[in-house]
């Protein structure tokens, strides 16, 4: 093969999972310093994990369906990715509240 070419959706899903994995590892270290009850910390962690799962599922679904432009096609992967954003934002807001309370 002269040049290896991977589908854009597959590359996007792979890179997103790598970035989110690093984010989760960083959050594990940071959660120790947050001023959150165990319940709130667990809720934030689960929301961030669910968000990442939907993001990975969206990219993989776009790849499996051969989606060209998820935004134009409003594909199933697009819908999974659309769920990922708001869920992740709520998790991040809980983490931010815990961080601000430490200051």
C-alpha atoms as a PDB file:
ATOM      1  CA  UNK A   1       0.000   0.000   0.000  1.00  0.00           C
ATOM      2  CA  UNK A   2       1.441   3.345  -1.017  1.00  0.00           C
ATOM      3  CA  UNK A   3      -0.465   5.343   1.595  1.00  0.00           C
ATOM      4  CA  UNK A   4      -2.785   4.143   4.320  1.00  0.00           C
ATOM      5  CA  UNK A   5      -6.079   6.000   4.482  1.00  0.00           C
ATOM      6  CA  UNK A   6      -8.591   5.599   7.296  1.00  0.00           C
ATOM      7  CA  UNK A   7     -12.224   6.737   7.244  1.00  0.00           C
ATOM      8  CA  UNK A   8     -12.628  10.162   8.826  1.00  0.00           C
ATOM      9  CA  UNK A   9     -15.317   8.958  11.267  1.00  0.00           C
ATOM     10  CA  UNK A  10     -13.076   6.160  12.503  1.00  0.00           C
ATOM     11  CA  UNK A  11     -10.149   8.514  13.040  1.00  0.00           C
ATOM     12  CA  UNK A  12     -12.413  10.992  14.846  1.00  0.00           C
ATOM     13  CA  UNK A  13     -13.786   8.283  17.143  1.00  0.00           C
ATOM     14  CA  UNK A  14     -10.277   7.059  17.920  1.00  0.00           C
ATOM     15  CA  UNK A  15      -8.837  10.497  18.682  1.00  0.00           C
ATOM     16  CA  UNK A  16     -11.863  11.502  20.780  1.00  0.00           C
ATOM     17  CA  UNK A  17     -11.525   8.348  22.880  1.00  0.00           C
ATOM     18  CA  UNK A  18      -7.798   9.000  23.416  1.00  0.00           C
ATOM     19  CA  UNK A  19      -8.410  12.589  24.514  1.00  0.00           C
ATOM     20  CA  UNK A  20     -11.253  11.637  26.823  1.00  0.00           C
ATOM     21  CA  UNK A  21      -9.202   8.841  28.356  1.00  0.00           C
ATOM     22  CA  UNK A  22      -6.520  11.355  29.270  1.00  0.00           C
ATOM     23  CA  UNK A  23      -9.196  13.687  30.662  1.00  0.00           C
ATOM     24  CA  UNK A  24     -10.587  10.918  32.866  1.00  0.00           C
ATOM     25  CA  UNK A  25      -7.136  10.080  34.219  1.00  0.00           C
ATOM     26  CA  UNK A  26      -6.570  13.745  35.061  1.00  0.00           C
ATOM     27  CA  UNK A  27      -9.951  14.014  36.741  1.00  0.00           C
ATOM     28  CA  UNK A  28      -9.216  10.969  38.891  1.00  0.00           C
ATOM     29  CA  UNK A  29      -6.200  12.803  40.286  1.00  0.00           C
ATOM     30  CA  UNK A  30      -8.118  16.065  40.648  1.00  0.00           C
ATOM     31  CA  UNK A  31     -11.223  14.637  42.333  1.00  0.00           C
ATOM     32  CA  UNK A  32      -9.188  14.147  45.526  1.00  0.00           C
ATOM     33  CA  UNK A  33      -8.918  17.923  45.923  1.00  0.00           C
ATOM     34  CA  UNK A  34     -12.553  18.839  45.185  1.00  0.00           C
ATOM     35  CA  UNK A  35     -14.914  19.955  47.931  1.00  0.00           C
ATOM     36  CA  UNK A  36     -17.788  17.651  46.954  1.00  0.00           C
ATOM     37  CA  UNK A  37     -19.760  15.065  48.865  1.00  0.00           C
ATOM     38  CA  UNK A  38     -19.320  11.479  47.749  1.00  0.00           C
ATOM     39  CA  UNK A  39     -22.727  11.576  46.067  1.00  0.00           C
ATOM     40  CA  UNK A  40     -21.959  14.660  43.989  1.00  0.00           C
ATOM     41  CA  UNK A  41     -18.504  13.409  43.054  1.00  0.00           C
ATOM     42  CA  UNK A  42     -19.947  10.065  41.953  1.00  0.00           C
ATOM     43  CA  UNK A  43     -22.676  11.809  39.954  1.00  0.00           C
ATOM     44  CA  UNK A  44     -20.155  14.042  38.190  1.00  0.00           C
ATOM     45  CA  UNK A  45     -17.903  11.093  37.410  1.00  0.00           C
ATOM     46  CA  UNK A  46     -20.759   9.035  35.984  1.00  0.00           C
ATOM     47  CA  UNK A  47     -22.005  11.942  33.879  1.00  0.00           C
ATOM     48  CA  UNK A  48     -18.533  12.396  32.386  1.00  0.00           C
ATOM     49  CA  UNK A  49     -18.191   8.672  31.689  1.00  0.00           C
ATOM     50  CA  UNK A  50     -21.637   8.565  30.059  1.00  0.00           C
ATOM     51  CA  UNK A  51     -20.754  11.618  27.983  1.00  0.00           C
ATOM     52  CA  UNK A  52     -17.555   9.974  26.779  1.00  0.00           C
ATOM     53  CA  UNK A  53     -19.400   6.755  25.979  1.00  0.00           C
ATOM     54  CA  UNK A  54     -21.940   8.612  23.836  1.00  0.00           C
ATOM     55  CA  UNK A  55     -19.121  10.462  22.066  1.00  0.00           C
ATOM     56  CA  UNK A  56     -17.321   7.208  21.238  1.00  0.00           C
ATOM     57  CA  UNK A  57     -20.595   5.541  20.265  1.00  0.00           C
ATOM     58  CA  UNK A  58     -21.423   8.446  17.955  1.00  0.00           C
ATOM     59  CA  UNK A  59     -18.106   8.262  16.132  1.00  0.00           C
ATOM     60  CA  UNK A  60     -18.254   4.484  15.824  1.00  0.00           C
ATOM     61  CA  UNK A  61     -21.845   4.617  14.582  1.00  0.00           C
ATOM     62  CA  UNK A  62     -20.932   7.208  11.949  1.00  0.00           C
ATOM     63  CA  UNK A  63     -18.080   4.974  10.804  1.00  0.00           C
ATOM     64  CA  UNK A  64     -20.208   1.823  10.679  1.00  0.00           C
ATOM     65  CA  UNK A  65     -22.951   3.608   8.735  1.00  0.00           C
ATOM     66  CA  UNK A  66     -20.504   5.258   6.360  1.00  0.00           C
ATOM     67  CA  UNK A  67     -21.701   8.736   7.268  1.00  0.00           C
ATOM     68  CA  UNK A  68     -20.088  11.453   5.200  1.00  0.00           C
ATOM     69  CA  UNK A  69     -21.181  14.582   7.057  1.00  0.00           C
ATOM     70  CA  UNK A  70     -22.956  13.864  10.307  1.00  0.00           C
ATOM     71  CA  UNK A  71     -24.248  17.423  10.583  1.00  0.00           C
ATOM     72  CA  UNK A  72     -25.829  17.516   7.144  1.00  0.00           C
ATOM     73  CA  UNK A  73     -27.205  13.986   7.363  1.00  0.00           C
ATOM     74  CA  UNK A  74     -28.362  14.224  11.011  1.00  0.00           C
ATOM     75  CA  UNK A  75     -27.157  10.631  11.375  1.00  0.00           C
ATOM     76  CA  UNK A  76     -27.660   8.363  14.368  1.00  0.00           C
ATOM     77  CA  UNK A  77     -24.039   9.061  15.326  1.00  0.00           C
ATOM     78  CA  UNK A  78     -24.837  12.784  15.288  1.00  0.00           C
ATOM     79  CA  UNK A  79     -27.694  12.151  17.718  1.00  0.00           C
ATOM     80  CA  UNK A  80     -25.393  10.211  20.057  1.00  0.00           C
ATOM     81  CA  UNK A  81     -22.831  13.030  19.865  1.00  0.00           C
ATOM     82  CA  UNK A  82     -25.587  15.577  20.559  1.00  0.00           C
ATOM     83  CA  UNK A  83     -26.453  13.771  23.799  1.00  0.00           C
ATOM     84  CA  UNK A  84     -22.792  13.710  24.802  1.00  0.00           C
ATOM     85  CA  UNK A  85     -22.402  17.497  24.998  1.00  0.00           C
ATOM     86  CA  UNK A  86     -25.108  18.470  27.505  1.00  0.00           C
ATOM     87  CA  UNK A  87     -24.415  15.445  29.730  1.00  0.00           C
ATOM     88  CA  UNK A  88     -20.706  16.305  29.834  1.00  0.00           C
ATOM     89  CA  UNK A  89     -21.388  19.961  30.552  1.00  0.00           C
ATOM     90  CA  UNK A  90     -23.465  19.087  33.620  1.00  0.00           C
ATOM     91  CA  UNK A  91     -20.663  16.829  34.882  1.00  0.00           C
ATOM     92  CA  UNK A  92     -18.073  19.538  34.301  1.00  0.00           C
ATOM     93  CA  UNK A  93     -20.215  22.143  36.088  1.00  0.00           C
ATOM     94  CA  UNK A  94     -20.405  19.899  39.161  1.00  0.00           C
ATOM     95  CA  UNK A  95     -16.610  19.530  39.096  1.00  0.00           C
ATOM     96  CA  UNK A  96     -16.201  23.306  38.749  1.00  0.00           C
ATOM     97  CA  UNK A  97     -18.443  23.939  41.740  1.00  0.00           C
ATOM     98  CA  UNK A  98     -16.313  21.532  43.770  1.00  0.00           C
ATOM     99  CA  UNK A  99     -13.148  23.289  42.616  1.00  0.00           C
ATOM    100  CA  UNK A 100     -14.480  26.777  43.341  1.00  0.00           C
ATOM    101  CA  UNK A 101     -15.527  25.706  46.844  1.00  0.00           C
ATOM    102  CA  UNK A 102     -11.919  24.756  47.580  1.00  0.00           C
ATOM    103  CA  UNK A 103     -10.757  28.312  46.803  1.00  0.00           C
END
